[in-house]
Amino acid sequence: MYYKKLAYKLYFGFCIFLLVSQEKVNAQIVIGQPNLGFSQACASESFNTYSATFVFSPPGVLNASNQFTIEMSDADGDFSSPTIVYTSNPGAVTTSPTTFDFSLPTDTAGENYKIRIKSSAPAATSSKSVAFAAYYKIQDSPFTINNLVSTGAYCSGGSYLLTMDNPGTGSNDSPLNYPSLTFNWYKETGPTTSVFVDEGPTLLVSEEGTYFVETNYGTCTSDSFSNRVTISAVVSGEADAGISSSLGNPFCPDQGSTTLSTIGGNSYQWYKDGNVIPEATNQMYQANESGLYSVLVNLGDCSAAGAIVLESELFEGSINVSETNIIEEGETLSIEVTTTAINPEFEWYLDGVLITDLSEDNYEATEFGNYKVVVTETSGCTGSREFLFEINEALDPFPDVEKLPNVISPNGDGINDTWVIPTNYVNGTNTTVMIMTNQGKIVFQTDNYLNNWPENNLNLTSINQVYYYVITTTDNETKKGSITVLK
């Protein structure tokens, strides 16, 4: 009897277990429509967290393995191929209501996204949320078009192509580097108003006006917009072609060359200070020094010209000596550097070798040779300038020579350019020196010879010329001979 009662109790308990288990297997829950914690989602690298709250009932039927997921539709609200943006851990959610945080995929772009909540055990799906605008702003900084040139021109009856720069110059972050983005072009209608013109990375303009382009982030505000470009039609003659400098104007040379850009055309020719720059025939030109730069742009049936006075921020400087300096043995040449450089440093070189322990802006030079001083600005627009000069030994106008020379070569090389004679016949001896042509014509005569003949160009022909000299001292000693002048 006892065992019959025990068996009955076990059987009854097993039936109750099966009944409860079957009820849990067959149980269902209802998930309410998700309530968004935002009106629009404008995500970026610096912010991409959004919340949704939902209720479900009854909580007690959730399986321990249950997971909730958030699915996001496409940009049109269609869930045919939803994107899962959040999945909870198994069994983590047991109470209602609950709130989940999720992030947008980086290719999100549209005005009619929706989300829904799904459970896995038991399986259930909520209704769709209200529609919301969502964009991931993968590029959110100003960018350039038209090579940052603020103007453009086309011949009347033609058109002008505006393009987004890729990559552009300087630090331009071109949106064209992000294939998922789309773009909207606008034309200004007033100081603060504009009208939509077209979509795409380029715009063919056939009406005068000021144009710009923005990355299409819908109703989300963004800093992803271009510079303005004013386009004009040229009826005849020349239009103004703008020129921009990628490093600004003035520019700092330590950043490298600045890129000069002009409006688009069929062909180009650049000039510096009014002179043609050879082979500078592209829309852009790399400049590394100050000057007046101009460009002539061929637009087809008309042309445009532009100019810019480019200035370098590099400091000014000078030295107080000439490129070539003459001193005698034992003399000193004082060199001073004047500069506007901020915190300047000075390096001095003699014949290419650094003069150590010399870092001042002045130097007392005593040696002959080729000198260089390099001035470097160490603050602000850092950069260097160098100044070259040479110091030569003064030539002795009255060297002690033994014989009267019979050949000279007045070619300006500093060697044997004049007829140099012994010191007992030159300045201070009252010796008469007379030089004649081979026909007896006197071309030079003095009683105070300075070793300076010939002083002028002798108009030499293709053959060497011969002159004759007569030297008469105060005691009537006479010396005669010839002088061959080599061409």
Protein backbone atom coordinates (compact mmCIF):
# COMPACT_ATOMS: atom_id res chain seq x y z
CA MET A 1 0.00 0.00 0.00
CA TYR A 2 2.84 2.36 0.89
CA TYR A 3 4.57 1.78 -2.41
CA LYS A 4 1.39 2.36 -4.36
CA LYS A 5 0.95 5.77 -2.70
CA LEU A 6 4.58 6.70 -3.38
CA ALA A 7 4.26 5.71 -7.01
CA TYR A 8 1.11 7.73 -7.31
CA LYS A 9 2.81 10.84 -5.89
CA LEU A 10 5.76 10.49 -8.25
CA TYR A 11 3.47 10.06 -11.20
CA PHE A 12 1.44 13.10 -10.20
CA GLY A 13 4.59 15.23 -9.78
CA PHE A 14 5.90 14.13 -13.17
CA CYS A 15 2.62 15.11 -14.79
CA ILE A 16 2.73 18.52 -13.17
CA PHE A 17 6.35 18.96 -14.44
CA LEU A 18 5.36 17.98 -17.95
CA LEU A 19 2.41 20.35 -17.88
CA VAL A 20 4.49 23.31 -16.70
CA SER A 21 7.24 22.53 -19.19
CA GLN A 22 4.77 22.25 -22.05
CA GLU A 23 3.18 25.55 -21.08
CA LYS A 24 6.62 27.24 -21.11
CA VAL A 25 7.45 25.75 -24.46
CA ASN A 26 4.22 26.95 -25.92
CA ALA A 27 4.29 30.31 -24.11
CA GLN A 28 4.38 33.55 -26.11
CA ILE A 29 5.35 37.11 -25.31
CA VAL A 30 4.29 40.39 -26.76
CA ILE A 31 6.97 43.05 -27.41
CA GLY A 32 5.77 46.64 -27.55
CA GLN A 33 6.80 49.20 -30.16
CA PRO A 34 10.29 50.54 -29.34
CA ASN A 35 10.36 54.05 -27.98
CA LEU A 36 13.33 56.05 -29.42
CA GLY A 37 15.45 58.18 -27.14
CA PHE A 38 16.20 60.57 -30.03
CA SER A 39 14.46 62.37 -32.87
CA GLN A 40 17.28 61.97 -35.42
CA ALA A 41 20.62 60.18 -35.33
CA CYS A 42 23.58 62.24 -36.56
CA ALA A 43 26.52 59.99 -35.74
CA SER A 44 30.23 60.56 -36.16
CA GLU A 45 33.53 59.15 -34.98
CA SER A 46 33.25 61.22 -31.80
CA PHE A 47 29.64 60.27 -31.01
CA ASN A 48 27.65 57.16 -31.97
CA THR A 49 25.43 56.01 -29.08
CA TYR A 50 21.61 55.96 -29.25
CA SER A 51 18.98 54.36 -27.00
CA ALA A 52 15.65 52.57 -27.44
CA THR A 53 13.23 51.48 -24.69
CA PHE A 54 10.61 48.74 -24.99
CA VAL A 55 8.25 46.64 -22.87
CA PHE A 56 7.39 42.96 -23.15
CA SER A 57 4.88 40.66 -21.41
CA PRO A 58 4.84 38.36 -19.62
CA PRO A 59 8.46 38.38 -18.34
CA GLY A 60 8.17 34.97 -16.70
CA VAL A 61 8.04 33.00 -19.93
CA LEU A 62 11.51 33.98 -21.15
CA ASN A 63 13.84 31.05 -21.66
CA ALA A 64 17.25 31.22 -20.01
CA SER A 65 18.82 31.22 -23.47
CA ASN A 66 16.73 34.14 -24.74
CA GLN A 67 18.45 37.02 -26.51
CA PHE A 68 16.97 40.32 -27.59
CA THR A 69 18.19 41.96 -30.79
CA ILE A 70 17.64 45.36 -32.37
CA GLU A 71 17.19 45.29 -36.13
CA MET A 72 17.49 48.40 -38.29
CA SER A 73 15.77 48.75 -41.66
CA ASP A 74 17.23 50.19 -44.82
CA ALA A 75 16.98 53.93 -45.58
CA ASP A 76 13.40 53.42 -46.85
CA GLY A 77 12.13 51.62 -43.73
CA ASP A 78 12.23 48.17 -45.38
CA PHE A 79 13.15 45.15 -43.23
CA SER A 80 13.73 42.71 -46.11
CA SER A 81 17.45 42.66 -45.26
CA PRO A 82 17.67 44.19 -41.78
CA THR A 83 20.92 45.12 -40.05
CA ILE A 84 21.41 43.89 -36.48
CA VAL A 85 22.78 46.80 -34.45
CA TYR A 86 22.52 45.23 -30.97
CA THR A 87 22.30 41.75 -29.40
CA SER A 88 21.89 41.10 -25.67
CA ASN A 89 23.67 38.33 -23.81
CA PRO A 90 21.69 35.07 -23.28
CA GLY A 91 19.31 35.39 -20.33
CA ALA A 92 20.57 38.89 -19.46
CA VAL A 93 17.17 40.58 -19.74
CA THR A 94 14.44 39.39 -17.34
CA THR A 95 12.48 42.51 -16.47
CA SER A 96 10.29 44.91 -18.43
CA PRO A 97 10.64 47.69 -19.48
CA THR A 98 14.26 47.69 -20.61
CA THR A 99 16.55 50.08 -22.52
CA PHE A 100 19.28 49.21 -24.99
CA ASP A 101 22.05 51.41 -26.40
CA PHE A 102 23.17 50.82 -29.98
CA SER A 103 25.41 52.40 -32.66
CA LEU A 104 24.86 53.18 -36.34
CA PRO A 105 26.82 51.45 -39.14
CA THR A 106 29.27 53.78 -40.88
CA ASP A 107 27.36 53.61 -44.19
CA THR A 108 24.09 54.86 -42.67
CA ALA A 109 22.51 57.64 -44.73
CA GLY A 110 18.78 58.30 -45.08
CA GLU A 111 15.64 59.97 -43.72
CA ASN A 112 13.30 56.98 -43.08
CA TYR A 113 15.10 54.41 -41.00
CA LYS A 114 13.15 52.28 -38.47
CA ILE A 115 14.08 49.73 -35.82
CA ARG A 116 12.32 46.75 -34.27
CA ILE A 117 12.98 44.40 -31.34
CA LYS A 118 13.15 40.63 -31.62
CA SER A 119 13.43 37.89 -28.98
CA SER A 120 14.79 34.40 -29.62
CA ALA A 121 13.20 32.18 -26.94
CA PRO A 122 10.32 32.46 -27.23
CA ALA A 123 10.53 34.07 -30.67
CA ALA A 124 8.70 37.33 -31.06
CA THR A 125 9.00 40.55 -33.05
CA SER A 126 7.85 44.03 -32.09
CA SER A 127 6.14 46.45 -34.36
CA LYS A 128 8.28 48.98 -36.21
CA SER A 129 9.40 52.16 -34.55
CA VAL A 130 8.54 55.58 -35.88
CA ALA A 131 10.75 56.64 -38.80
CA PHE A 132 13.84 58.69 -38.09
CA ALA A 133 16.64 60.38 -40.05
CA ALA A 134 20.04 58.74 -39.55
CA TYR A 135 23.46 59.57 -40.99
CA TYR A 136 26.98 58.56 -40.07
CA LYS A 137 29.14 61.60 -40.84
CA ILE A 138 32.29 59.78 -41.89
CA GLN A 139 33.67 63.07 -43.27
CA ASP A 140 32.71 66.19 -41.35
CA SER A 141 35.15 68.98 -42.23
CA PRO A 142 35.32 71.71 -44.91
CA PHE A 143 36.81 70.71 -48.25
CA THR A 144 37.82 72.42 -51.49
CA ILE A 145 36.52 72.65 -55.02
CA ASN A 146 38.02 74.33 -58.09
CA ASN A 147 41.50 74.09 -56.53
CA LEU A 148 40.30 76.64 -53.99
CA VAL A 149 40.19 79.32 -56.70
CA SER A 150 37.24 81.59 -55.88
CA THR A 151 36.35 82.43 -59.49
CA GLY A 152 35.72 80.69 -62.79
CA ALA A 153 34.80 81.84 -66.29
CA TYR A 154 33.44 80.37 -69.49
CA CYS A 155 33.01 81.78 -72.96
CA SER A 156 29.48 82.97 -73.67
CA GLY A 157 27.40 80.06 -74.89
CA GLY A 158 29.67 77.50 -73.23
CA SER A 159 29.93 76.04 -69.73
CA TYR A 160 32.30 75.60 -66.80
CA LEU A 161 32.94 72.35 -64.93
CA LEU A 162 33.17 72.61 -61.15
CA THR A 163 34.85 69.62 -59.50
CA MET A 164 35.57 68.50 -55.98
CA ASP A 165 39.31 68.40 -55.42
CA ASN A 166 40.78 64.96 -54.85
CA PRO A 167 43.03 65.01 -53.08
CA GLY A 168 43.48 68.78 -53.42
CA THR A 169 46.28 70.71 -51.77
CA GLY A 170 47.39 71.15 -48.19
CA SER A 171 45.23 69.49 -45.54
CA ASN A 172 42.14 69.14 -47.72
CA ASP A 173 40.06 66.13 -46.58
CA SER A 174 38.30 65.28 -49.82
CA PRO A 175 34.92 63.58 -49.36
CA LEU A 176 35.66 61.69 -52.58
CA ASN A 177 37.87 59.45 -50.45
CA TYR A 178 34.67 57.99 -48.93
CA PRO A 179 32.73 56.05 -51.63
CA SER A 180 29.50 55.81 -49.60
CA LEU A 181 28.92 59.59 -49.61
CA THR A 182 26.69 61.57 -51.94
CA PHE A 183 26.73 65.30 -52.65
CA ASN A 184 24.34 68.20 -53.29
CA TRP A 185 25.26 71.34 -55.25
CA TYR A 186 23.69 74.73 -54.52
CA LYS A 187 23.57 78.18 -56.08
CA GLU A 188 23.43 81.23 -53.83
CA THR A 189 20.27 83.35 -54.13
CA GLY A 190 21.16 85.82 -51.40
CA PRO A 191 23.67 86.48 -48.61
CA THR A 192 22.24 83.63 -46.53
CA THR A 193 20.01 81.73 -48.96
CA SER A 194 20.61 79.21 -51.71
CA VAL A 195 18.77 76.82 -54.00
CA PHE A 196 19.48 73.16 -54.78
CA VAL A 197 20.93 72.65 -58.28
CA ASP A 198 22.08 69.06 -58.76
CA GLU A 199 23.70 65.98 -57.24
CA GLY A 200 27.08 64.37 -57.81
CA PRO A 201 30.84 65.02 -57.45
CA THR A 202 30.90 67.54 -60.34
CA LEU A 203 28.65 70.31 -61.65
CA LEU A 204 28.52 71.65 -65.22
CA VAL A 205 27.66 75.35 -64.89
CA SER A 206 26.07 77.28 -67.75
CA GLU A 207 24.64 80.16 -65.69
CA GLU A 208 26.53 82.90 -63.91
CA GLY A 209 26.41 82.81 -60.14
CA THR A 210 28.08 81.63 -56.96
CA TYR A 211 28.10 77.87 -56.36
CA PHE A 212 29.09 75.45 -53.62
CA VAL A 213 28.58 71.79 -52.68
CA GLU A 214 27.75 69.96 -49.45
CA THR A 215 28.02 66.35 -48.44
CA ASN A 216 24.49 64.94 -48.29
CA TYR A 217 23.76 64.40 -44.61
CA GLY A 218 20.07 65.21 -45.01
CA THR A 219 18.54 67.05 -42.06
CA CYS A 220 21.68 66.57 -39.96
CA THR A 221 23.85 69.64 -39.62
CA SER A 222 27.42 69.21 -40.84
CA ASP A 223 30.71 70.98 -41.46
CA SER A 224 31.27 69.01 -44.68
CA PHE A 225 30.89 71.81 -47.22
CA SER A 226 33.05 73.48 -49.87
CA ASN A 227 34.34 76.94 -50.59
CA ARG A 228 32.22 79.27 -52.76
CA VAL A 229 33.11 79.80 -56.43
CA THR A 230 31.74 82.70 -58.49
CA ILE A 231 31.29 81.80 -62.16
CA SER A 232 30.96 84.44 -64.90
CA ALA A 233 30.37 84.33 -68.65
CA VAL A 234 32.85 86.10 -70.93
CA VAL A 235 31.33 87.80 -73.97
CA SER A 236 34.59 89.03 -75.50
CA GLY A 237 38.10 89.97 -74.51
CA GLU A 238 39.70 88.69 -71.32
CA ALA A 239 38.11 87.79 -67.99
CA ASP A 240 39.77 87.80 -64.60
CA ALA A 241 41.30 84.43 -63.71
CA GLY A 242 41.71 84.06 -59.98
CA ILE A 243 44.91 82.63 -58.47
CA SER A 244 45.06 80.96 -55.06
CA SER A 245 48.05 79.95 -52.93
CA SER A 246 47.72 76.63 -51.08
CA LEU A 247 49.86 77.90 -48.18
CA GLY A 248 48.17 81.28 -48.09
CA ASN A 249 49.68 84.66 -48.87
CA PRO A 250 52.10 85.46 -47.29
CA PHE A 251 53.31 81.85 -47.08
CA CYS A 252 55.89 80.16 -44.88
CA PRO A 253 58.66 78.53 -46.98
CA ASP A 254 59.54 75.94 -44.32
CA GLN A 255 56.30 74.14 -45.27
CA GLY A 256 57.67 73.64 -48.78
CA SER A 257 56.57 75.18 -52.04
CA THR A 258 53.13 76.74 -52.24
CA THR A 259 50.80 75.59 -55.02
CA LEU A 260 49.41 78.39 -57.18
CA SER A 261 46.13 77.40 -58.85
CA THR A 262 43.93 79.13 -61.37
CA ILE A 263 40.58 78.50 -63.06
CA GLY A 264 40.08 75.59 -65.43
CA GLY A 265 40.73 76.15 -69.13
CA ASN A 266 42.09 74.57 -72.29
CA SER A 267 45.70 75.66 -71.78
CA TYR A 268 47.82 77.78 -69.45
CA GLN A 269 51.00 79.87 -69.35
CA TRP A 270 52.54 81.14 -66.09
CA TYR A 271 54.77 84.21 -65.68
CA LYS A 272 56.96 85.57 -62.88
CA ASP A 273 57.68 89.29 -62.71
CA GLY A 274 56.48 89.58 -66.31
CA ASN A 275 58.77 86.86 -67.67
CA VAL A 276 57.58 83.54 -69.09
CA ILE A 277 58.26 80.57 -66.81
CA PRO A 278 59.44 77.81 -69.17
CA GLU A 279 57.31 74.65 -69.14
CA ALA A 280 54.87 76.19 -66.61
CA THR A 281 51.81 75.28 -68.67
CA ASN A 282 49.56 73.46 -66.18
CA GLN A 283 46.62 74.65 -64.12
CA MET A 284 48.86 74.62 -61.04
CA TYR A 285 52.39 75.92 -60.46
CA GLN A 286 54.75 75.27 -57.53
CA ALA A 287 56.28 78.54 -56.25
CA ASN A 288 58.90 78.86 -53.52
CA GLU A 289 59.79 82.55 -53.58
CA SER A 290 58.17 85.95 -53.51
CA GLY A 291 57.25 87.76 -56.70
CA LEU A 292 54.51 88.87 -59.06
CA TYR A 293 53.00 85.73 -60.58
CA SER A 294 50.51 85.88 -63.41
CA VAL A 295 48.79 83.39 -65.67
CA LEU A 296 47.06 83.43 -69.05
CA VAL A 297 44.23 80.90 -69.42
CA ASN A 298 42.90 79.88 -72.82
CA LEU A 299 39.15 79.27 -72.51
CA GLY A 300 38.62 78.43 -76.17
CA ASP A 301 36.86 81.33 -77.89
CA CYS A 302 38.03 83.73 -75.18
CA SER A 303 40.72 83.97 -72.53
CA ALA A 304 41.29 84.98 -68.93
CA ALA A 305 44.26 86.42 -67.08
CA GLY A 306 45.06 86.63 -63.40
CA ALA A 307 47.84 87.81 -61.11
CA ILE A 308 48.95 87.51 -57.50
CA VAL A 309 51.70 89.32 -55.58
CA LEU A 310 53.09 86.38 -53.64
CA GLU A 311 54.94 87.21 -50.45
CA SER A 312 57.12 84.99 -48.31
CA GLU A 313 57.01 85.24 -44.52
CA LEU A 314 60.69 84.32 -44.37
CA PHE A 315 62.70 86.99 -42.57
CA GLU A 316 64.73 89.68 -44.29
CA GLY A 317 68.48 89.95 -43.91
CA SER A 318 71.66 91.54 -45.29
CA ILE A 319 75.39 91.86 -44.68
CA ASN A 320 77.48 95.01 -44.77
CA VAL A 321 80.15 93.82 -47.24
CA SER A 322 80.27 93.23 -50.98
CA GLU A 323 80.40 89.87 -52.68
CA THR A 324 84.11 90.49 -53.43
CA ASN A 325 86.38 92.22 -50.93
CA ILE A 326 90.10 93.09 -51.04
CA ILE A 327 92.36 93.42 -48.01
CA GLU A 328 96.12 93.33 -47.55
CA GLU A 329 98.01 90.79 -45.50
CA GLY A 330 97.49 91.53 -41.78
CA GLU A 331 94.38 93.64 -42.30
CA THR A 332 90.88 92.80 -40.92
CA LEU A 333 87.47 92.94 -42.57
CA SER A 334 84.51 93.49 -40.22
CA ILE A 335 81.32 91.68 -41.29
CA GLU A 336 77.94 92.36 -39.66
CA VAL A 337 74.61 90.66 -40.34
CA THR A 338 71.36 92.61 -40.07
CA THR A 339 68.19 90.49 -39.89
CA THR A 340 64.54 90.54 -38.83
CA ALA A 341 64.66 86.83 -37.89
CA ILE A 342 63.11 85.78 -34.59
CA ASN A 343 65.64 84.09 -32.27
CA PRO A 344 68.22 83.84 -35.07
CA GLU A 345 71.14 81.42 -35.13
CA PHE A 346 74.32 82.13 -37.10
CA GLU A 347 76.78 79.71 -38.73
CA TRP A 348 79.95 80.95 -40.44
CA TYR A 349 81.93 78.96 -43.03
CA LEU A 350 85.32 79.50 -44.65
CA ASP A 351 85.97 77.52 -47.84
CA GLY A 352 83.08 75.20 -46.92
CA VAL A 353 84.34 74.43 -43.40
CA LEU A 354 82.30 75.51 -40.35
CA ILE A 355 84.08 78.04 -38.17
CA THR A 356 83.56 76.56 -34.72
CA ASP A 357 82.85 78.59 -31.58
CA LEU A 358 81.38 81.39 -33.70
CA SER A 359 77.65 82.03 -33.34
CA GLU A 360 77.35 85.82 -33.29
CA ASP A 361 75.95 88.18 -35.92
CA ASN A 362 79.39 89.69 -36.59
CA TYR A 363 82.87 88.48 -37.45
CA GLU A 364 86.35 89.98 -37.80
CA ALA A 365 87.84 88.16 -40.79
CA THR A 366 91.59 88.06 -41.37
CA GLU A 367 91.99 85.10 -43.73
CA PHE A 368 91.59 85.09 -47.49
CA GLY A 369 88.99 82.73 -49.01
CA ASN A 370 85.31 82.11 -49.75
CA TYR A 371 82.94 82.80 -46.86
CA LYS A 372 79.33 81.91 -46.14
CA VAL A 373 77.08 82.89 -43.24
CA VAL A 374 73.83 81.00 -42.69
CA VAL A 375 71.10 82.76 -40.70
CA THR A 376 68.30 80.56 -39.33
CA GLU A 377 65.05 81.75 -37.78
CA THR A 378 64.16 79.32 -34.98
CA SER A 379 60.68 80.63 -34.05
CA GLY A 380 57.56 81.43 -36.06
CA CYS A 381 58.08 80.78 -39.76
CA THR A 382 61.32 78.85 -39.41
CA GLY A 383 63.75 78.94 -42.29
CA SER A 384 67.25 79.95 -43.36
CA ARG A 385 69.00 82.43 -45.60
CA GLU A 386 72.65 82.35 -46.60
CA PHE A 387 74.96 85.14 -47.67
CA LEU A 388 78.13 84.56 -49.70
CA PHE A 389 81.20 86.75 -49.99
CA GLU A 390 84.92 86.37 -50.66
CA ILE A 391 88.02 88.04 -49.34
CA ASN A 392 91.02 88.33 -51.67
CA GLU A 393 94.51 89.61 -51.12
CA ALA A 394 95.14 93.06 -52.52
CA LEU A 395 97.38 93.03 -55.57
CA ASP A 396 100.66 94.91 -55.22
CA PRO A 397 100.55 97.56 -57.97
CA PHE A 398 104.31 97.74 -57.92
CA PRO A 399 105.69 94.22 -57.52
CA ASP A 400 109.43 93.71 -57.57
CA VAL A 401 110.02 92.25 -61.05
CA GLU A 402 113.50 91.69 -62.47
CA LYS A 403 113.02 92.17 -66.20
CA LEU A 404 110.97 94.23 -68.58
CA PRO A 405 108.26 91.85 -69.91
CA ASN A 406 107.67 91.59 -73.64
CA VAL A 407 104.24 89.86 -73.53
CA ILE A 408 100.93 90.80 -71.91
CA SER A 409 97.37 89.33 -72.19
CA PRO A 410 94.76 91.94 -71.20
CA ASN A 411 91.78 89.54 -70.99
CA GLY A 412 90.55 90.52 -67.54
CA ASP A 413 91.59 87.34 -65.73
CA GLY A 414 93.82 89.25 -63.30
CA ILE A 415 96.97 87.61 -64.64
CA ASN A 416 99.39 89.57 -66.80
CA ASP A 417 96.64 92.02 -67.76
CA THR A 418 98.94 95.07 -67.74
CA TRP A 419 102.56 95.76 -68.50
CA VAL A 420 104.33 95.53 -65.12
CA ILE A 421 107.92 96.75 -65.06
CA PRO A 422 110.71 96.89 -62.45
CA THR A 423 110.20 99.34 -59.57
CA ASN A 424 113.15 101.58 -60.57
CA TYR A 425 111.12 102.75 -63.61
CA VAL A 426 107.67 103.34 -61.99
CA ASN A 427 105.89 105.88 -59.84
CA GLY A 428 108.21 108.31 -58.00
CA THR A 429 111.30 107.79 -60.13
CA ASN A 430 110.51 110.47 -62.74
CA THR A 431 111.27 107.94 -65.44
CA THR A 432 109.67 108.62 -68.81
CA VAL A 433 107.77 105.70 -70.31
CA MET A 434 106.60 105.92 -73.91
CA ILE A 435 104.73 103.22 -75.91
CA MET A 436 104.22 103.33 -79.68
CA THR A 437 102.53 101.30 -82.36
CA ASN A 438 104.57 99.46 -84.96
CA GLN A 439 103.96 102.49 -87.19
CA GLY A 440 105.53 104.87 -84.67
CA LYS A 441 102.29 106.39 -83.30
CA ILE A 442 102.58 107.23 -79.61
CA VAL A 443 99.69 105.61 -77.71
CA PHE A 444 100.96 106.14 -74.16
CA GLN A 445 103.49 108.47 -72.47
CA THR A 446 104.07 109.42 -68.82
CA ASP A 447 106.83 110.22 -66.33
CA ASN A 448 104.84 108.67 -63.50
CA TYR A 449 104.08 105.10 -64.68
CA LEU A 450 101.67 103.12 -62.50
CA ASN A 451 101.96 99.70 -64.14
CA ASN A 452 98.57 100.42 -65.71
CA TRP A 453 99.01 100.09 -69.49
CA PRO A 454 96.80 99.34 -71.30
CA GLU A 455 94.04 101.11 -69.38
CA ASN A 456 91.43 100.71 -72.14
CA ASN A 457 90.40 98.17 -74.73
CA LEU A 458 92.98 98.04 -77.50
CA ASN A 459 90.45 96.83 -80.10
CA LEU A 460 92.50 93.78 -80.87
CA THR A 461 92.00 92.03 -84.19
CA SER A 462 92.13 88.31 -84.73
CA ILE A 463 95.93 88.43 -84.65
CA ASN A 464 98.33 89.48 -81.90
CA GLN A 465 99.58 93.06 -81.97
CA VAL A 466 103.12 94.33 -81.32
CA TYR A 467 103.94 97.64 -79.61
CA TYR A 468 107.32 99.25 -78.88
CA TYR A 469 108.48 100.99 -75.72
CA VAL A 470 111.20 103.54 -74.88
CA ILE A 471 112.11 104.07 -71.22
CA THR A 472 114.32 107.06 -70.31
CA THR A 473 115.57 107.55 -66.74
CA THR A 474 116.55 110.88 -65.15
CA ASP A 475 120.24 110.13 -65.84
CA ASN A 476 119.37 109.50 -69.54
CA GLU A 477 119.64 105.73 -69.36
CA THR A 478 117.47 104.31 -72.15
CA LYS A 479 115.73 100.96 -72.47
CA LYS A 480 113.99 99.89 -75.71
CA GLY A 481 112.05 96.81 -76.73
CA SER A 482 108.77 95.34 -77.94
CA ILE A 483 105.52 94.29 -76.24
CA THR A 484 103.39 91.57 -77.84
CA VAL A 485 99.74 91.88 -76.88
CA LEU A 486 98.09 88.48 -76.98
CA LYS A 487 94.46 88.33 -77.98
